[in-house]
Amino acid sequence: MKNFIINKYLTVEFLKSFLNVFLIFCCAGLVMNLFEEINYFRKYNVGIGLPIQLSLMIIPSIVINMLPFVLFLSSMWVFVKLKNNRDLLSLRTFGISNGKFIFLFSSIAFIVGIIILAALNPVTSIAVKYYEDIKGSYDLDKSHLASINANGIWIKEKIGKNINIIKSKALKGNFLINVSIYKFDENNLLVERTEAKQANIRDTTWLIEDGYTIQLQNKNVKNDFENLIFYSTFNREKLNSVYSNLDTISFYKLMTESKELVARGYSSKLLEEKKHFYLSLPFFLVLMVLLSGIFTLNSNERRQNTYYVFLSIIACVVIFYFKSFSTALGATEKIPLLLSVWSPVIILFLFCSAAIIQINEK
């Protein structure tokens, strides 16, 4: 009964600290992103409501990506608070060691990570998708647009006085599969329709293969072809940029619909990297809690709190840049993709496992 009451007290203190830091990050992110949205919509008469709405959509996803550092700072907060209140010394008289504190908080962090992935991440991915759709509809260059939905890939582009509407089932490597091209004149009249099995879009000069063209303003004359040259403003690299924001895909979809996503044109390597980012998240949260305990429980003197907090913030920045650097190496295939995701976790684990033994003895 005694341990239950103590664990409940510590759990409540930890969750309160986490929620406070989470809200601080959300508020700070909201303010900074709001200025960016206002600057983006300065040429549109949309008022303040739309920038606020878009900021509220995107901020939760941004904060989730920064969750390890939110947990790190919230853990620092609760450890320092317990030290300043002399609660740590009082609880040690009941036989609760530093290791038990850290184990309890690490378990809570792991559960928080699971809840985030299972419950919050699907909501934030939908919000990010709506964010991109709404913001994309205000794009300054509306004559050249690309969209991906359940029906495939859609491209709108203006070539001279003509407008092309291009539809494809999927993007596989350099090829658009099952391509339909509708050409409209300056009066928005459909003048030509092209259907083809596939199109090589490695460059902006496409090579369309195995199809036919119908001249709709010339008695619907149909011409079959094996190869056809088509000039576009899009190529594979430009079209791949539409797939760049994987925050629109939830962890659940990554685990259950990866083959469908690859068939729609998403990079299998990027999807694998994002999946392992999510899988490593609960473990990374645990290690950040361990790291905060290592920095704050080394000494019981209050005057050293400022020193340890300052040192921990520097360590946090170093970890952030190391993680980004490792991800960049994986993206450029300098190191294996899985290693780029898990190496920060492995290195942090080795450091924490050695240091935590010393902390538990104090």
Protein backbone atom coordinates (compact mmCIF):
# COMPACT_ATOMS: atom_id res chain seq x y z
CA MET A 1 0.00 0.00 0.00
CA LYS A 2 2.87 2.34 0.90
CA ASN A 3 4.63 1.71 -2.42
CA PHE A 4 1.38 2.18 -4.34
CA ILE A 5 0.84 5.63 -2.81
CA ILE A 6 4.44 6.67 -3.49
CA ASN A 7 4.32 5.40 -7.08
CA LYS A 8 1.02 7.19 -7.65
CA TYR A 9 2.48 10.44 -6.32
CA LEU A 10 5.58 10.16 -8.52
CA THR A 11 3.52 9.21 -11.58
CA VAL A 12 1.23 12.22 -11.13
CA GLU A 13 4.22 14.55 -10.71
CA PHE A 14 5.89 13.16 -13.84
CA LEU A 15 2.74 13.41 -15.99
CA LYS A 16 2.06 16.95 -14.75
CA SER A 17 5.58 17.95 -15.69
CA PHE A 18 5.26 16.27 -19.10
CA LEU A 19 1.95 17.99 -19.88
CA ASN A 20 3.33 21.37 -18.81
CA VAL A 21 6.38 21.08 -21.06
CA PHE A 22 4.26 19.67 -23.90
CA LEU A 23 1.91 22.66 -23.69
CA ILE A 24 4.83 25.09 -23.54
CA PHE A 25 6.26 23.57 -26.74
CA CYS A 26 2.82 23.73 -28.37
CA CYS A 27 2.32 27.38 -27.45
CA ALA A 28 5.82 28.38 -28.55
CA GLY A 29 5.44 26.46 -31.80
CA LEU A 30 2.01 27.96 -32.40
CA VAL A 31 3.32 31.50 -32.06
CA MET A 32 6.32 30.90 -34.33
CA ASN A 33 4.33 29.01 -36.95
CA LEU A 34 1.56 31.60 -36.88
CA PHE A 35 4.00 34.29 -38.04
CA GLU A 36 5.10 31.99 -40.88
CA GLU A 37 1.50 31.34 -41.96
CA ILE A 38 0.61 35.03 -41.80
CA ASN A 39 3.62 35.83 -43.98
CA TYR A 40 2.58 33.10 -46.46
CA PHE A 41 -0.99 34.42 -46.76
CA ARG A 42 -0.09 38.10 -46.79
CA LYS A 43 -1.18 38.40 -50.45
CA TYR A 44 -4.52 36.72 -49.82
CA ASN A 45 -7.55 38.24 -48.17
CA VAL A 46 -8.14 35.41 -45.71
CA GLY A 47 -8.02 37.19 -42.36
CA ILE A 48 -6.38 35.73 -39.25
CA GLY A 49 -8.69 32.72 -38.89
CA LEU A 50 -7.08 30.54 -41.59
CA PRO A 51 -3.46 30.99 -40.38
CA ILE A 52 -4.57 30.10 -36.84
CA GLN A 53 -6.47 27.05 -38.11
CA LEU A 54 -3.49 25.81 -40.13
CA SER A 55 -1.10 26.38 -37.22
CA LEU A 56 -3.33 24.35 -34.92
CA MET A 57 -3.29 21.53 -37.51
CA ILE A 58 0.46 21.33 -37.93
CA ILE A 59 1.80 22.03 -34.42
CA PRO A 60 0.86 18.66 -32.81
CA SER A 61 2.80 16.80 -35.51
CA ILE A 62 5.84 19.04 -35.05
CA VAL A 63 5.79 18.57 -31.27
CA ILE A 64 5.50 14.77 -31.66
CA ASN A 65 8.67 14.80 -33.78
CA MET A 66 10.34 16.67 -30.90
CA LEU A 67 8.84 14.36 -28.27
CA PRO A 68 12.18 12.92 -27.07
CA PHE A 69 13.32 16.40 -26.08
CA VAL A 70 9.95 17.21 -24.53
CA LEU A 71 10.36 14.10 -22.33
CA PHE A 72 13.95 15.04 -21.58
CA LEU A 73 13.07 18.53 -20.34
CA SER A 74 9.99 17.36 -18.43
CA SER A 75 12.10 14.68 -16.71
CA MET A 76 14.67 17.31 -15.78
CA TRP A 77 11.87 19.45 -14.41
CA VAL A 78 10.42 16.75 -12.16
CA PHE A 79 13.84 15.54 -10.95
CA VAL A 80 14.91 19.07 -10.00
CA LYS A 81 11.56 19.71 -8.32
CA LEU A 82 11.85 16.55 -6.23
CA LYS A 83 15.41 17.48 -5.26
CA ASN A 84 14.50 21.03 -4.28
CA ASN A 85 11.57 19.82 -2.17
CA ARG A 86 13.81 17.26 -0.48
CA ASP A 87 11.34 14.60 -1.60
CA LEU A 88 14.16 12.42 -2.90
CA LEU A 89 15.82 12.31 0.49
CA SER A 90 12.50 11.59 2.21
CA LEU A 91 11.62 8.79 -0.19
CA ARG A 92 15.02 7.18 0.21
CA THR A 93 14.22 6.62 3.86
CA PHE A 94 11.44 4.34 2.62
CA GLY A 95 13.97 2.32 0.64
CA ILE A 96 13.34 3.88 -2.77
CA SER A 97 16.64 4.26 -4.63
CA ASN A 98 17.56 6.41 -7.60
CA GLY A 99 17.20 3.35 -9.79
CA LYS A 100 13.57 2.91 -8.79
CA PHE A 101 12.82 6.55 -9.61
CA ILE A 102 14.36 6.21 -13.02
CA PHE A 103 12.73 2.83 -13.70
CA LEU A 104 9.29 4.21 -12.86
CA PHE A 105 9.68 7.33 -15.01
CA SER A 106 11.19 5.31 -17.88
CA SER A 107 8.23 2.92 -17.82
CA ILE A 108 5.83 5.86 -17.99
CA ALA A 109 7.81 7.33 -20.91
CA PHE A 110 7.62 4.03 -22.79
CA ILE A 111 3.83 3.85 -22.26
CA VAL A 112 3.50 7.48 -23.38
CA GLY A 113 5.37 6.59 -26.58
CA ILE A 114 3.02 3.66 -27.28
CA ILE A 115 -0.07 5.83 -26.67
CA ILE A 116 1.29 8.56 -28.95
CA LEU A 117 1.85 6.07 -31.80
CA ALA A 118 -1.44 4.22 -31.34
CA ALA A 119 -3.84 7.06 -30.56
CA LEU A 120 -2.42 10.50 -31.35
CA ASN A 121 -0.31 9.83 -34.44
CA PRO A 122 -3.26 8.79 -36.69
CA VAL A 123 -5.03 12.05 -35.79
CA THR A 124 -1.98 14.23 -36.42
CA SER A 125 -1.28 12.54 -39.78
CA ILE A 126 -4.81 13.36 -40.94
CA ALA A 127 -4.40 16.94 -39.69
CA VAL A 128 -1.12 17.32 -41.62
CA LYS A 129 -2.81 16.00 -44.78
CA TYR A 130 -5.58 18.57 -44.46
CA TYR A 131 -2.96 21.23 -43.74
CA GLU A 132 -1.11 20.47 -46.97
CA ASP A 133 -4.32 20.26 -49.02
CA ILE A 134 -5.64 23.60 -47.74
CA LYS A 135 -2.31 25.39 -48.06
CA GLY A 136 -1.69 23.86 -51.47
CA SER A 137 -4.99 25.24 -52.77
CA TYR A 138 -3.55 28.74 -52.23
CA ASP A 139 -0.34 28.01 -54.13
CA LEU A 140 0.80 31.08 -56.04
CA ASP A 141 1.54 28.97 -59.14
CA LYS A 142 -1.77 27.20 -59.67
CA SER A 143 -0.99 26.47 -63.30
CA HIS A 144 1.40 23.70 -62.20
CA LEU A 145 0.04 21.38 -59.54
CA ALA A 146 0.39 17.74 -58.55
CA SER A 147 -1.76 15.72 -56.19
CA ILE A 148 -1.85 12.18 -54.85
CA ASN A 149 -5.04 10.54 -53.63
CA ALA A 150 -6.79 7.18 -53.52
CA ASN A 151 -7.48 7.41 -57.28
CA GLY A 152 -3.82 7.78 -58.20
CA ILE A 153 -1.64 10.70 -59.32
CA TRP A 154 -3.05 13.89 -60.84
CA ILE A 155 -0.97 16.59 -62.54
CA LYS A 156 -2.09 19.95 -63.92
CA GLU A 157 0.33 22.02 -65.99
CA LYS A 158 0.25 24.87 -68.47
CA ILE A 159 2.32 24.52 -71.65
CA GLY A 160 2.08 27.66 -73.76
CA LYS A 161 -1.63 28.37 -74.23
CA ASN A 162 -2.63 24.77 -73.56
CA ILE A 163 -3.41 23.11 -70.23
CA ASN A 164 -2.63 19.43 -69.66
CA ILE A 165 -4.44 17.29 -67.11
CA ILE A 166 -2.51 14.06 -66.49
CA LYS A 167 -3.75 11.06 -64.55
CA SER A 168 -1.77 7.97 -63.62
CA LYS A 169 -2.43 4.91 -61.50
CA ALA A 170 1.00 4.89 -59.82
CA LEU A 171 4.65 5.93 -60.03
CA LYS A 172 7.16 3.08 -60.20
CA GLY A 173 10.76 4.21 -60.48
CA ASN A 174 10.97 6.41 -63.58
CA PHE A 175 7.60 5.28 -64.93
CA LEU A 176 4.05 6.52 -64.59
CA ILE A 177 1.72 3.53 -64.99
CA ASN A 178 -1.58 3.61 -66.94
CA VAL A 179 -1.30 7.21 -68.10
CA SER A 180 -4.15 9.41 -69.37
CA ILE A 181 -3.38 12.89 -70.76
CA TYR A 182 -6.12 15.42 -71.52
CA LYS A 183 -5.09 18.54 -73.48
CA PHE A 184 -7.24 21.69 -73.29
CA ASP A 185 -6.89 24.85 -75.39
CA GLU A 186 -7.02 28.46 -74.14
CA ASN A 187 -10.84 28.29 -74.17
CA ASN A 188 -10.78 25.24 -71.88
CA LEU A 189 -12.03 22.98 -74.68
CA LEU A 190 -10.76 19.41 -74.75
CA VAL A 191 -8.79 19.00 -77.99
CA GLU A 192 -6.77 15.82 -77.47
CA ARG A 193 -6.75 12.71 -75.33
CA THR A 194 -3.87 10.27 -74.92
CA GLU A 195 -3.98 6.85 -73.26
CA ALA A 196 -0.83 4.79 -72.69
CA LYS A 197 0.48 1.84 -70.76
CA GLN A 198 3.35 3.79 -69.20
CA ALA A 199 5.49 6.91 -69.51
CA ASN A 200 9.19 7.32 -68.73
CA ILE A 201 9.43 10.63 -66.81
CA ARG A 202 13.11 10.58 -65.86
CA ASP A 203 13.42 13.94 -67.64
CA THR A 204 10.91 16.61 -68.59
CA THR A 205 10.92 15.09 -72.08
CA TRP A 206 8.69 12.07 -71.50
CA LEU A 207 8.78 8.90 -73.56
CA ILE A 208 5.23 7.55 -73.64
CA GLU A 209 4.94 3.88 -74.63
CA ASP A 210 2.25 1.62 -76.08
CA GLY A 211 -0.88 3.73 -76.44
CA TYR A 212 -3.07 5.86 -78.67
CA THR A 213 -4.07 9.49 -79.22
CA ILE A 214 -7.53 10.78 -80.15
CA GLN A 215 -7.85 14.16 -81.90
CA LEU A 216 -11.23 15.31 -80.58
CA GLN A 217 -11.50 18.35 -82.85
CA ASN A 218 -10.52 16.42 -85.95
CA LYS A 219 -13.41 13.94 -86.28
CA ASN A 220 -12.07 11.91 -83.35
CA VAL A 221 -9.18 10.54 -85.38
CA LYS A 222 -7.39 7.81 -83.44
CA ASN A 223 -3.65 7.21 -83.86
CA ASP A 224 -1.93 4.24 -82.27
CA PHE A 225 1.74 4.49 -81.32
CA GLU A 226 4.51 2.45 -79.73
CA ASN A 227 6.55 5.47 -78.62
CA LEU A 228 5.55 9.11 -78.32
CA ILE A 229 7.57 12.14 -77.18
CA PHE A 230 5.72 14.39 -74.73
CA TYR A 231 7.07 17.63 -73.25
CA SER A 232 6.19 18.40 -69.65
CA THR A 233 7.26 20.68 -66.81
CA PHE A 234 7.36 17.68 -64.44
CA ASN A 235 9.95 14.94 -64.13
CA ARG A 236 10.52 12.15 -61.61
CA GLU A 237 12.44 14.36 -59.16
CA LYS A 238 9.79 17.08 -59.16
CA LEU A 239 6.97 14.59 -58.79
CA ASN A 240 8.76 12.75 -55.99
CA SER A 241 8.75 15.97 -53.98
CA VAL A 242 4.98 15.49 -53.60
CA TYR A 243 5.77 12.34 -51.58
CA SER A 244 8.34 14.06 -49.36
CA ASN A 245 6.19 14.72 -46.26
CA LEU A 246 5.69 11.32 -44.67
CA ASP A 247 4.04 12.92 -41.63
CA THR A 248 0.81 12.58 -43.61
CA ILE A 249 1.11 8.80 -43.19
CA SER A 250 0.32 7.34 -39.79
CA PHE A 251 2.31 4.60 -38.06
CA TYR A 252 -0.68 2.26 -38.47
CA LYS A 253 -0.70 2.77 -42.26
CA LEU A 254 3.04 2.26 -42.46
CA MET A 255 2.68 -1.09 -40.73
CA THR A 256 -0.41 -2.32 -42.58
CA GLU A 257 -0.38 -0.63 -46.02
CA SER A 258 3.30 -0.37 -46.94
CA LYS A 259 2.88 -2.35 -50.18
CA GLU A 260 -0.03 -0.16 -51.29
CA LEU A 261 1.98 2.99 -50.51
CA VAL A 262 4.94 1.75 -52.55
CA ALA A 263 2.57 0.91 -55.41
CA ARG A 264 1.29 4.49 -55.31
CA GLY A 265 4.83 5.76 -55.78
CA TYR A 266 6.25 6.33 -52.31
CA SER A 267 9.89 5.42 -51.84
CA SER A 268 10.21 2.08 -50.08
CA LYS A 269 13.45 3.25 -48.42
CA LEU A 270 11.86 6.41 -47.01
CA LEU A 271 8.85 4.46 -45.79
CA GLU A 272 11.14 1.94 -44.10
CA GLU A 273 13.09 4.77 -42.47
CA LYS A 274 9.91 6.41 -41.18
CA LYS A 275 8.59 3.09 -39.88
CA HIS A 276 11.74 2.45 -37.87
CA PHE A 277 11.70 6.05 -36.64
CA TYR A 278 8.31 5.33 -35.11
CA LEU A 279 9.41 1.92 -33.79
CA SER A 280 12.46 3.45 -32.11
CA LEU A 281 10.48 6.32 -30.57
CA PRO A 282 9.38 4.60 -27.28
CA PHE A 283 12.94 3.35 -26.69
CA PHE A 284 14.37 6.78 -27.45
CA LEU A 285 11.97 8.33 -24.94
CA VAL A 286 13.14 5.90 -22.26
CA LEU A 287 16.78 6.75 -22.94
CA MET A 288 16.09 10.49 -22.73
CA VAL A 289 14.54 9.96 -19.29
CA LEU A 290 17.62 7.96 -18.25
CA LEU A 291 19.86 10.72 -19.55
CA SER A 292 17.99 13.39 -17.58
CA GLY A 293 18.33 11.26 -14.43
CA ILE A 294 22.07 10.89 -15.01
CA PHE A 295 22.52 14.66 -15.18
CA THR A 296 20.28 15.59 -12.22
CA LEU A 297 20.82 12.79 -9.68
CA ASN A 298 24.60 12.99 -9.58
CA SER A 299 24.46 15.43 -6.68
CA ASN A 300 21.98 16.46 -3.99
CA GLU A 301 23.26 20.04 -3.82
CA ARG A 302 20.81 22.61 -5.12
CA ARG A 303 23.52 25.01 -6.27
CA GLN A 304 24.64 22.47 -8.86
CA ASN A 305 21.18 22.24 -10.45
CA THR A 306 21.88 25.16 -12.77
CA TYR A 307 25.15 23.61 -13.90
CA TYR A 308 23.57 20.23 -14.64
CA VAL A 309 20.56 21.78 -16.42
CA PHE A 310 22.88 23.86 -18.61
CA LEU A 311 25.05 20.83 -19.36
CA SER A 312 22.02 18.69 -20.16
CA ILE A 313 20.65 21.25 -22.62
CA ILE A 314 23.99 21.22 -24.45
CA ALA A 315 23.85 17.42 -24.52
CA CYS A 316 20.30 17.59 -25.84
CA VAL A 317 21.39 19.84 -28.73
CA VAL A 318 24.31 17.52 -29.53
CA ILE A 319 21.99 14.50 -29.59
CA PHE A 320 19.57 16.33 -31.87
CA TYR A 321 22.26 17.19 -34.42
CA PHE A 322 23.82 13.75 -34.20
CA LYS A 323 20.43 12.18 -34.87
CA SER A 324 19.88 14.50 -37.86
CA PHE A 325 23.38 13.77 -39.16
CA SER A 326 22.84 10.02 -38.85
CA THR A 327 19.52 10.28 -40.71
CA ALA A 328 21.18 12.29 -43.48
CA LEU A 329 23.87 9.62 -43.87
CA GLY A 330 21.17 7.00 -44.22
CA ALA A 331 19.21 9.05 -46.75
CA THR A 332 22.33 9.47 -48.90
CA GLU A 333 23.14 5.75 -48.49
CA LYS A 334 26.49 6.44 -46.82
CA ILE A 335 25.46 3.97 -44.10
CA PRO A 336 22.64 1.39 -44.03
CA LEU A 337 19.23 2.98 -43.53
CA LEU A 338 18.33 0.96 -40.44
CA LEU A 339 21.67 1.77 -38.83
CA SER A 340 21.08 5.48 -39.42
CA VAL A 341 17.81 5.30 -37.46
CA TRP A 342 18.92 3.02 -34.64
CA SER A 343 22.55 4.12 -34.14
CA PRO A 344 21.64 7.16 -31.95
CA VAL A 345 19.48 4.84 -29.83
CA ILE A 346 22.26 2.24 -29.53
CA ILE A 347 24.96 4.77 -28.67
CA LEU A 348 22.74 6.52 -26.14
CA PHE A 349 21.87 3.14 -24.60
CA LEU A 350 25.54 2.21 -24.15
CA PHE A 351 26.26 5.54 -22.49
CA CYS A 352 23.23 5.43 -20.20
CA SER A 353 23.70 1.79 -19.16
CA ALA A 354 27.20 2.55 -17.88
CA ALA A 355 26.24 5.78 -16.10
CA ILE A 356 22.98 4.56 -14.56
CA ILE A 357 24.82 1.98 -12.44
CA GLN A 358 26.78 4.73 -10.75
CA ILE A 359 23.63 6.80 -10.22
CA ASN A 360 21.84 3.93 -8.49
CA GLU A 361 24.71 3.54 -6.02
CA LYS A 362 24.39 7.15 -4.83
